[in-house]
Amino acid sequence: MVAEDCVAGAEHPNVTAVKALMTAFTRQDRHAIESLIDPCCVWRVPGVNSIAGEYTGRPAVFRLFALLKRIMSCPASFDILDIEARGDLVISVQDAVIVIAGRMFRIKEQLTYRLRDGRVIEVEEYQFDQDEFDRIFAPEDGPIAALAETV
């Protein structure tokens, strides 16, 4: 680890920002989320599913968040298993717990964040079980199929 990345006894400020973002998602605190997402943020969701794609700019990223809010029965919660900062990057391995159409799913994922001045400018998601993730978010036969017409 580079000395500039370490502050004795303190958490890296970018780790603090990512943890605050996860908390804001769970609380659905739009103001806090907006304060942590850069206006030019790019968010990439992998796979072949209803939410996959590249979302460029805060309005597009917030459309993704609005879609997820409509799909999920309640706010997601996150259990961060490991998190580390290196310069402007933060890598978080986490379990996301989501409920769709009354069914609970635990998704293990890795998110790589790039931050500038305490704000997220880029996110790349990686799903440990991409096939399951695609099945969960498949509009034609997954758990969200019943919601497809309202989303």
N, C-alpha and C. Protein backbone atom coordinates (compact mmCIF):
# COMPACT_ATOMS: atom_id res chain seq x y z
N MET A 1 0.85 -1.17 0.00
CA MET A 1 0.00 0.00 0.00
C MET A 1 0.89 1.23 0.00
N VAL A 2 0.55 2.22 -0.77
CA VAL A 2 1.30 3.45 -0.87
C VAL A 2 1.01 4.29 0.37
N ALA A 3 2.05 4.94 0.89
CA ALA A 3 1.91 5.72 2.12
C ALA A 3 0.79 6.75 2.05
N GLU A 4 0.59 7.36 0.89
CA GLU A 4 -0.46 8.38 0.77
C GLU A 4 -1.86 7.78 0.91
N ASP A 5 -1.99 6.47 0.75
CA ASP A 5 -3.29 5.82 0.89
C ASP A 5 -3.61 5.48 2.34
N CYS A 6 -2.63 5.60 3.21
CA CYS A 6 -2.81 5.21 4.61
C CYS A 6 -2.80 6.43 5.51
N VAL A 7 -3.72 6.47 6.40
CA VAL A 7 -3.72 7.46 7.46
C VAL A 7 -3.87 6.66 8.74
N ALA A 8 -2.87 6.73 9.60
CA ALA A 8 -2.85 5.90 10.80
C ALA A 8 -4.15 6.06 11.58
N GLY A 9 -4.80 4.93 11.82
CA GLY A 9 -6.02 4.91 12.63
C GLY A 9 -7.25 5.47 11.95
N ALA A 10 -7.14 5.87 10.69
CA ALA A 10 -8.29 6.47 10.01
C ALA A 10 -8.64 5.67 8.77
N GLU A 11 -9.91 5.72 8.43
CA GLU A 11 -10.39 5.06 7.22
C GLU A 11 -10.10 5.98 6.03
N HIS A 12 -9.75 5.40 4.90
CA HIS A 12 -9.51 6.18 3.68
C HIS A 12 -10.79 6.95 3.37
N PRO A 13 -10.68 8.24 3.02
CA PRO A 13 -11.89 9.04 2.77
C PRO A 13 -12.76 8.49 1.64
N ASN A 14 -12.16 7.83 0.64
CA ASN A 14 -12.98 7.26 -0.43
C ASN A 14 -13.76 6.04 0.06
N VAL A 15 -13.19 5.28 0.99
CA VAL A 15 -13.94 4.16 1.60
C VAL A 15 -15.12 4.73 2.38
N THR A 16 -14.87 5.78 3.12
CA THR A 16 -15.95 6.43 3.88
C THR A 16 -17.07 6.88 2.94
N ALA A 17 -16.70 7.45 1.80
CA ALA A 17 -17.71 7.92 0.83
C ALA A 17 -18.52 6.75 0.26
N VAL A 18 -17.86 5.65 -0.09
CA VAL A 18 -18.58 4.49 -0.63
C VAL A 18 -19.51 3.90 0.41
N LYS A 19 -19.06 3.79 1.65
CA LYS A 19 -19.94 3.28 2.72
C LYS A 19 -21.13 4.21 2.92
N ALA A 20 -20.91 5.50 2.83
CA ALA A 20 -22.02 6.46 2.96
C ALA A 20 -23.01 6.28 1.81
N LEU A 21 -22.50 6.00 0.61
CA LEU A 21 -23.38 5.77 -0.53
C LEU A 21 -24.23 4.52 -0.32
N MET A 22 -23.64 3.44 0.17
CA MET A 22 -24.40 2.21 0.43
C MET A 22 -25.48 2.46 1.48
N THR A 23 -25.14 3.21 2.51
CA THR A 23 -26.13 3.55 3.54
C THR A 23 -27.25 4.39 2.94
N ALA A 24 -26.89 5.35 2.10
CA ALA A 24 -27.91 6.20 1.46
C ALA A 24 -28.83 5.39 0.57
N PHE A 25 -28.29 4.40 -0.14
CA PHE A 25 -29.14 3.53 -0.96
C PHE A 25 -30.15 2.80 -0.09
N THR A 26 -29.69 2.22 1.00
CA THR A 26 -30.58 1.47 1.88
C THR A 26 -31.65 2.38 2.47
N ARG A 27 -31.29 3.59 2.80
CA ARG A 27 -32.24 4.55 3.39
C ARG A 27 -33.05 5.28 2.33
N GLN A 28 -32.70 5.07 1.05
CA GLN A 28 -33.33 5.77 -0.07
C GLN A 28 -33.27 7.28 0.15
N ASP A 29 -32.10 7.74 0.53
CA ASP A 29 -31.86 9.15 0.81
C ASP A 29 -31.31 9.82 -0.45
N ARG A 30 -32.21 10.32 -1.26
CA ARG A 30 -31.83 10.89 -2.56
C ARG A 30 -30.84 12.04 -2.41
N HIS A 31 -31.03 12.90 -1.43
CA HIS A 31 -30.12 14.03 -1.24
C HIS A 31 -28.70 13.54 -0.98
N ALA A 32 -28.55 12.55 -0.11
CA ALA A 32 -27.22 12.01 0.19
C ALA A 32 -26.63 11.33 -1.04
N ILE A 33 -27.46 10.59 -1.78
CA ILE A 33 -26.97 9.92 -2.99
C ILE A 33 -26.49 10.97 -4.00
N GLU A 34 -27.28 12.02 -4.21
CA GLU A 34 -26.89 13.07 -5.14
C GLU A 34 -25.58 13.73 -4.74
N SER A 35 -25.36 13.88 -3.44
CA SER A 35 -24.13 14.53 -2.98
C SER A 35 -22.90 13.65 -3.22
N LEU A 36 -23.11 12.35 -3.41
CA LEU A 36 -21.99 11.42 -3.58
C LEU A 36 -21.78 10.96 -5.03
N ILE A 37 -22.74 11.26 -5.90
CA ILE A 37 -22.65 10.86 -7.31
C ILE A 37 -22.32 12.10 -8.15
N ASP A 38 -21.21 12.05 -8.86
CA ASP A 38 -20.80 13.14 -9.72
C ASP A 38 -21.80 13.32 -10.87
N PRO A 39 -22.04 14.55 -11.31
CA PRO A 39 -22.97 14.76 -12.43
C PRO A 39 -22.58 14.00 -13.70
N CYS A 40 -21.30 13.69 -13.88
CA CYS A 40 -20.85 12.97 -15.09
C CYS A 40 -20.57 11.50 -14.82
N CYS A 41 -21.08 10.96 -13.75
CA CYS A 41 -20.83 9.57 -13.37
C CYS A 41 -21.23 8.59 -14.48
N VAL A 42 -20.45 7.52 -14.60
CA VAL A 42 -20.78 6.41 -15.51
C VAL A 42 -20.92 5.16 -14.64
N TRP A 43 -22.06 4.47 -14.77
CA TRP A 43 -22.34 3.27 -13.97
C TRP A 43 -22.60 2.13 -14.94
N ARG A 44 -21.84 1.04 -14.80
CA ARG A 44 -21.97 -0.10 -15.71
C ARG A 44 -22.50 -1.32 -14.97
N VAL A 45 -23.58 -1.88 -15.50
CA VAL A 45 -24.20 -3.09 -14.96
C VAL A 45 -24.02 -4.19 -16.00
N PRO A 46 -23.42 -5.32 -15.61
CA PRO A 46 -23.12 -6.37 -16.59
C PRO A 46 -24.32 -7.26 -16.90
N GLY A 47 -24.15 -8.03 -17.95
CA GLY A 47 -25.10 -9.11 -18.22
C GLY A 47 -26.07 -8.85 -19.35
N VAL A 48 -27.01 -9.78 -19.42
CA VAL A 48 -28.10 -9.73 -20.39
C VAL A 48 -29.37 -9.80 -19.55
N ASN A 49 -29.87 -8.63 -19.15
CA ASN A 49 -31.02 -8.56 -18.26
C ASN A 49 -31.65 -7.17 -18.38
N SER A 50 -32.70 -6.95 -17.63
CA SER A 50 -33.46 -5.71 -17.77
C SER A 50 -32.76 -4.47 -17.24
N ILE A 51 -31.69 -4.62 -16.47
CA ILE A 51 -30.99 -3.44 -15.96
C ILE A 51 -29.56 -3.32 -16.49
N ALA A 52 -29.12 -4.27 -17.31
CA ALA A 52 -27.76 -4.24 -17.85
C ALA A 52 -27.56 -3.04 -18.75
N GLY A 53 -26.35 -2.52 -18.72
CA GLY A 53 -26.01 -1.43 -19.62
C GLY A 53 -25.08 -0.43 -18.99
N GLU A 54 -24.79 0.59 -19.76
CA GLU A 54 -23.94 1.68 -19.29
C GLU A 54 -24.81 2.91 -19.14
N TYR A 55 -24.80 3.48 -17.95
CA TYR A 55 -25.61 4.65 -17.62
C TYR A 55 -24.65 5.82 -17.46
N THR A 56 -24.74 6.80 -18.35
CA THR A 56 -23.80 7.91 -18.38
C THR A 56 -24.49 9.21 -17.97
N GLY A 57 -23.95 9.85 -16.94
CA GLY A 57 -24.51 11.09 -16.41
C GLY A 57 -25.46 10.81 -15.27
N ARG A 58 -25.53 11.75 -14.34
CA ARG A 58 -26.37 11.56 -13.16
C ARG A 58 -27.83 11.27 -13.50
N PRO A 59 -28.46 11.95 -14.49
CA PRO A 59 -29.85 11.62 -14.82
C PRO A 59 -30.03 10.16 -15.22
N ALA A 60 -29.12 9.64 -16.03
CA ALA A 60 -29.22 8.23 -16.46
C ALA A 60 -28.99 7.30 -15.27
N VAL A 61 -28.02 7.60 -14.43
CA VAL A 61 -27.76 6.78 -13.25
C VAL A 61 -28.99 6.78 -12.34
N PHE A 62 -29.63 7.93 -12.19
CA PHE A 62 -30.82 7.98 -11.35
C PHE A 62 -32.02 7.27 -11.99
N ARG A 63 -32.05 7.18 -13.32
CA ARG A 63 -33.09 6.36 -13.95
C ARG A 63 -32.87 4.88 -13.60
N LEU A 64 -31.62 4.44 -13.57
CA LEU A 64 -31.31 3.08 -13.12
C LEU A 64 -31.80 2.88 -11.69
N PHE A 65 -31.49 3.81 -10.81
CA PHE A 65 -31.90 3.69 -9.40
C PHE A 65 -33.42 3.68 -9.28
N ALA A 66 -34.10 4.50 -10.08
CA ALA A 66 -35.57 4.53 -10.05
C ALA A 66 -36.15 3.21 -10.54
N LEU A 67 -35.54 2.63 -11.56
CA LEU A 67 -35.97 1.33 -12.07
C LEU A 67 -35.82 0.28 -10.98
N LEU A 68 -34.66 0.26 -10.32
CA LEU A 68 -34.44 -0.70 -9.24
C LEU A 68 -35.45 -0.51 -8.11
N LYS A 69 -35.75 0.74 -7.79
CA LYS A 69 -36.73 1.02 -6.73
C LYS A 69 -38.10 0.47 -7.10
N ARG A 70 -38.48 0.57 -8.37
CA ARG A 70 -39.77 0.05 -8.82
C ARG A 70 -39.79 -1.47 -8.83
N ILE A 71 -38.66 -2.08 -9.15
CA ILE A 71 -38.58 -3.54 -9.23
C ILE A 71 -38.60 -4.17 -7.84
N MET A 72 -37.87 -3.57 -6.90
CA MET A 72 -37.70 -4.18 -5.58
C MET A 72 -38.87 -3.87 -4.66
N SER A 73 -39.22 -4.86 -3.85
CA SER A 73 -40.32 -4.72 -2.90
C SER A 73 -39.97 -3.82 -1.74
N CYS A 74 -38.70 -3.70 -1.42
CA CYS A 74 -38.21 -2.85 -0.34
C CYS A 74 -36.77 -2.46 -0.66
N PRO A 75 -36.23 -1.48 0.05
CA PRO A 75 -34.86 -1.07 -0.26
C PRO A 75 -33.86 -2.22 -0.09
N ALA A 76 -32.85 -2.22 -0.93
CA ALA A 76 -31.77 -3.20 -0.82
C ALA A 76 -30.97 -2.92 0.44
N SER A 77 -30.34 -3.96 0.96
CA SER A 77 -29.39 -3.77 2.05
C SER A 77 -28.07 -4.40 1.61
N PHE A 78 -27.00 -3.92 2.20
CA PHE A 78 -25.67 -4.34 1.76
C PHE A 78 -24.84 -4.75 2.96
N ASP A 79 -24.19 -5.89 2.84
CA ASP A 79 -23.24 -6.36 3.83
C ASP A 79 -21.88 -6.35 3.17
N ILE A 80 -21.06 -5.36 3.51
CA ILE A 80 -19.74 -5.24 2.91
C ILE A 80 -18.83 -6.29 3.52
N LEU A 81 -18.35 -7.19 2.67
CA LEU A 81 -17.48 -8.28 3.12
C LEU A 81 -16.01 -7.84 3.14
N ASP A 82 -15.63 -7.00 2.20
CA ASP A 82 -14.27 -6.49 2.14
C ASP A 82 -14.30 -5.20 1.33
N ILE A 83 -13.50 -4.24 1.74
CA ILE A 83 -13.44 -2.97 1.02
C ILE A 83 -12.04 -2.40 1.17
N GLU A 84 -11.53 -1.88 0.07
CA GLU A 84 -10.18 -1.35 0.08
C GLU A 84 -10.06 -0.20 -0.91
N ALA A 85 -9.27 0.79 -0.53
CA ALA A 85 -9.02 1.94 -1.39
C ALA A 85 -7.57 1.92 -1.86
N ARG A 86 -7.40 2.28 -3.11
CA ARG A 86 -6.08 2.49 -3.71
C ARG A 86 -6.17 3.75 -4.55
N GLY A 87 -5.63 4.83 -4.04
CA GLY A 87 -5.72 6.08 -4.78
C GLY A 87 -7.17 6.48 -4.98
N ASP A 88 -7.57 6.66 -6.24
CA ASP A 88 -8.94 7.09 -6.53
C ASP A 88 -9.91 5.91 -6.69
N LEU A 89 -9.41 4.67 -6.53
CA LEU A 89 -10.26 3.49 -6.66
C LEU A 89 -10.66 2.92 -5.31
N VAL A 90 -11.89 2.43 -5.24
CA VAL A 90 -12.36 1.66 -4.09
C VAL A 90 -12.96 0.38 -4.65
N ILE A 91 -12.54 -0.75 -4.10
CA ILE A 91 -13.10 -2.04 -4.50
C ILE A 91 -13.85 -2.58 -3.29
N SER A 92 -15.12 -2.87 -3.51
CA SER A 92 -15.98 -3.38 -2.45
C SER A 92 -16.55 -4.73 -2.87
N VAL A 93 -16.36 -5.74 -2.02
CA VAL A 93 -17.00 -7.03 -2.22
C VAL A 93 -18.12 -7.08 -1.20
N GLN A 94 -19.32 -7.36 -1.67
CA GLN A 94 -20.48 -7.26 -0.77
C GLN A 94 -21.55 -8.27 -1.15
N ASP A 95 -22.38 -8.53 -0.15
CA ASP A 95 -23.63 -9.24 -0.37
C ASP A 95 -24.72 -8.19 -0.42
N ALA A 96 -25.47 -8.18 -1.49
CA ALA A 96 -26.64 -7.32 -1.60
C ALA A 96 -27.85 -8.19 -1.35
N VAL A 97 -28.73 -7.74 -0.48
CA VAL A 97 -29.97 -8.46 -0.21
C VAL A 97 -31.10 -7.63 -0.81
N ILE A 98 -31.81 -8.27 -1.75
CA ILE A 98 -32.93 -7.60 -2.41
C ILE A 98 -34.17 -8.48 -2.32
N VAL A 99 -35.32 -7.82 -2.38
CA VAL A 99 -36.60 -8.53 -2.38
C VAL A 99 -37.36 -8.08 -3.63
N ILE A 100 -37.73 -9.06 -4.45
CA ILE A 100 -38.49 -8.80 -5.66
C ILE A 100 -39.71 -9.71 -5.64
N ALA A 101 -40.88 -9.11 -5.81
CA ALA A 101 -42.13 -9.87 -5.83
C ALA A 101 -42.22 -10.81 -4.62
N GLY A 102 -41.79 -10.32 -3.46
CA GLY A 102 -41.89 -11.09 -2.23
C GLY A 102 -40.82 -12.14 -2.04
N ARG A 103 -39.90 -12.27 -2.98
CA ARG A 103 -38.82 -13.27 -2.87
C ARG A 103 -37.50 -12.58 -2.56
N MET A 104 -36.78 -13.11 -1.56
CA MET A 104 -35.51 -12.53 -1.17
C MET A 104 -34.36 -13.19 -1.92
N PHE A 105 -33.43 -12.37 -2.37
CA PHE A 105 -32.24 -12.84 -3.07
C PHE A 105 -31.01 -12.22 -2.42
N ARG A 106 -29.97 -13.03 -2.30
CA ARG A 106 -28.67 -12.55 -1.82
C ARG A 106 -27.72 -12.64 -3.01
N ILE A 107 -27.19 -11.52 -3.40
CA ILE A 107 -26.33 -11.43 -4.57
C ILE A 107 -24.93 -11.02 -4.11
N LYS A 108 -23.95 -11.86 -4.38
CA LYS A 108 -22.57 -11.50 -4.07
C LYS A 108 -22.00 -10.77 -5.28
N GLU A 109 -21.45 -9.59 -5.02
CA GLU A 109 -20.97 -8.76 -6.10
C GLU A 109 -19.72 -7.99 -5.69
N GLN A 110 -18.99 -7.57 -6.70
CA GLN A 110 -17.85 -6.69 -6.49
C GLN A 110 -18.12 -5.42 -7.27
N LEU A 111 -17.99 -4.30 -6.62
CA LEU A 111 -18.13 -3.02 -7.30
C LEU A 111 -16.80 -2.29 -7.21
N THR A 112 -16.35 -1.80 -8.36
CA THR A 112 -15.14 -0.99 -8.41
C THR A 112 -15.58 0.44 -8.68
N TYR A 113 -15.27 1.29 -7.73
CA TYR A 113 -15.64 2.71 -7.79
C TYR A 113 -14.40 3.53 -8.11
N ARG A 114 -14.58 4.56 -8.91
CA ARG A 114 -13.55 5.58 -9.09
C ARG A 114 -14.14 6.88 -8.55
N LEU A 115 -13.40 7.52 -7.68
CA LEU A 115 -13.88 8.75 -7.06
C LEU A 115 -12.96 9.92 -7.38
N ARG A 116 -13.55 11.10 -7.39
CA ARG A 116 -12.82 12.35 -7.54
C ARG A 116 -13.45 13.36 -6.60
N ASP A 117 -12.64 13.94 -5.75
CA ASP A 117 -13.11 14.94 -4.80
C ASP A 117 -14.28 14.43 -3.95
N GLY A 118 -14.20 13.16 -3.55
CA GLY A 118 -15.22 12.59 -2.67
C GLY A 118 -16.51 12.17 -3.36
N ARG A 119 -16.56 12.22 -4.68
CA ARG A 119 -17.76 11.85 -5.43
C ARG A 119 -17.45 10.72 -6.40
N VAL A 120 -18.42 9.85 -6.58
CA VAL A 120 -18.28 8.71 -7.48
C VAL A 120 -18.38 9.21 -8.92
N ILE A 121 -17.34 8.88 -9.71
CA ILE A 121 -17.35 9.27 -11.13
C ILE A 121 -17.50 8.06 -12.05
N GLU A 122 -17.28 6.85 -11.50
CA GLU A 122 -17.40 5.65 -12.33
C GLU A 122 -17.61 4.44 -11.43
N VAL A 123 -18.49 3.53 -11.87
CA VAL A 123 -18.74 2.28 -11.16
C VAL A 123 -18.79 1.16 -12.19
N GLU A 124 -18.08 0.10 -11.87
CA GLU A 124 -18.09 -1.11 -12.70
C GLU A 124 -18.54 -2.24 -11.77
N GLU A 125 -19.69 -2.85 -12.08
CA GLU A 125 -20.19 -3.96 -11.28
C GLU A 125 -19.68 -5.28 -11.83
N TYR A 126 -19.43 -6.21 -10.94
CA TYR A 126 -19.09 -7.58 -11.30
C TYR A 126 -19.94 -8.50 -10.43
N GLN A 127 -20.66 -9.40 -11.05
CA GLN A 127 -21.51 -10.33 -10.31
C GLN A 127 -20.79 -11.68 -10.22
N PHE A 128 -20.68 -12.23 -9.03
CA PHE A 128 -20.01 -13.51 -8.86
C PHE A 128 -20.77 -14.64 -9.55
N ASP A 129 -22.10 -14.53 -9.61
CA ASP A 129 -22.91 -15.51 -10.34
C ASP A 129 -23.75 -14.74 -11.36
N GLN A 130 -23.12 -14.43 -12.50
CA GLN A 130 -23.78 -13.62 -13.51
C GLN A 130 -25.05 -14.28 -14.05
N ASP A 131 -25.04 -15.61 -14.21
CA ASP A 131 -26.24 -16.30 -14.70
C ASP A 131 -27.42 -16.10 -13.76
N GLU A 132 -27.18 -16.21 -12.46
CA GLU A 132 -28.26 -16.00 -11.48
C GLU A 132 -28.73 -14.55 -11.50
N PHE A 133 -27.80 -13.62 -11.59
CA PHE A 133 -28.15 -12.20 -11.66
C PHE A 133 -29.03 -11.94 -12.88
N ASP A 134 -28.62 -12.49 -14.03
CA ASP A 134 -29.42 -12.32 -15.25
C ASP A 134 -30.81 -12.94 -15.10
N ARG A 135 -30.88 -14.09 -14.43
CA ARG A 135 -32.17 -14.74 -14.22
C ARG A 135 -33.07 -13.89 -13.31
N ILE A 136 -32.50 -13.34 -12.25
CA ILE A 136 -33.28 -12.52 -11.32
C ILE A 136 -33.86 -11.31 -12.05
N PHE A 137 -33.06 -10.69 -12.90
CA PHE A 137 -33.50 -9.46 -13.56
C PHE A 137 -33.98 -9.68 -15.00
N ALA A 138 -34.28 -10.94 -15.34
CA ALA A 138 -34.82 -11.23 -16.68
C ALA A 138 -36.30 -10.85 -16.72
N PRO A 139 -36.68 -9.93 -17.60
CA PRO A 139 -38.07 -9.51 -17.62
C PRO A 139 -39.03 -10.56 -18.16
N GLU A 140 -38.52 -11.50 -18.98
CA GLU A 140 -39.43 -12.45 -19.61
C GLU A 140 -39.81 -13.64 -18.75
N ASP A 141 -38.91 -14.11 -17.86
CA ASP A 141 -39.27 -15.29 -17.07
C ASP A 141 -38.70 -15.27 -15.65
N GLY A 142 -38.06 -14.21 -15.25
CA GLY A 142 -37.50 -14.11 -13.90
C GLY A 142 -38.53 -13.56 -12.93
N PRO A 143 -38.12 -13.31 -11.71
CA PRO A 143 -39.03 -12.80 -10.68
C PRO A 143 -39.69 -11.47 -11.02
N ILE A 144 -39.08 -10.69 -11.92
CA ILE A 144 -39.69 -9.40 -12.24
C ILE A 144 -40.64 -9.48 -13.43
N ALA A 145 -40.86 -10.66 -13.95
CA ALA A 145 -41.73 -10.80 -15.13
C ALA A 145 -43.10 -10.18 -14.90
N ALA A 146 -43.66 -10.38 -13.71
CA ALA A 146 -44.99 -9.83 -13.40
C ALA A 146 -44.96 -8.31 -13.36
N LEU A 147 -43.78 -7.74 -13.14
CA LEU A 147 -43.67 -6.29 -13.06
C LEU A 147 -43.31 -5.65 -14.39
N ALA A 148 -43.00 -6.42 -15.39
CA ALA A 148 -42.44 -5.94 -16.64
C ALA A 148 -43.30 -4.83 -17.28
N GLU A 149 -44.59 -4.95 -17.20
CA GLU A 149 -45.43 -3.96 -17.85
C GLU A 149 -45.48 -2.64 -17.09
N THR A 150 -45.17 -2.66 -15.79
CA THR A 150 -45.21 -1.43 -15.01
C THR A 150 -43.85 -0.74 -14.95
N VAL A 151 -42.80 -1.41 -15.40
CA VAL A 151 -41.46 -0.83 -15.31
C VAL A 151 -41.08 -0.17 -16.60
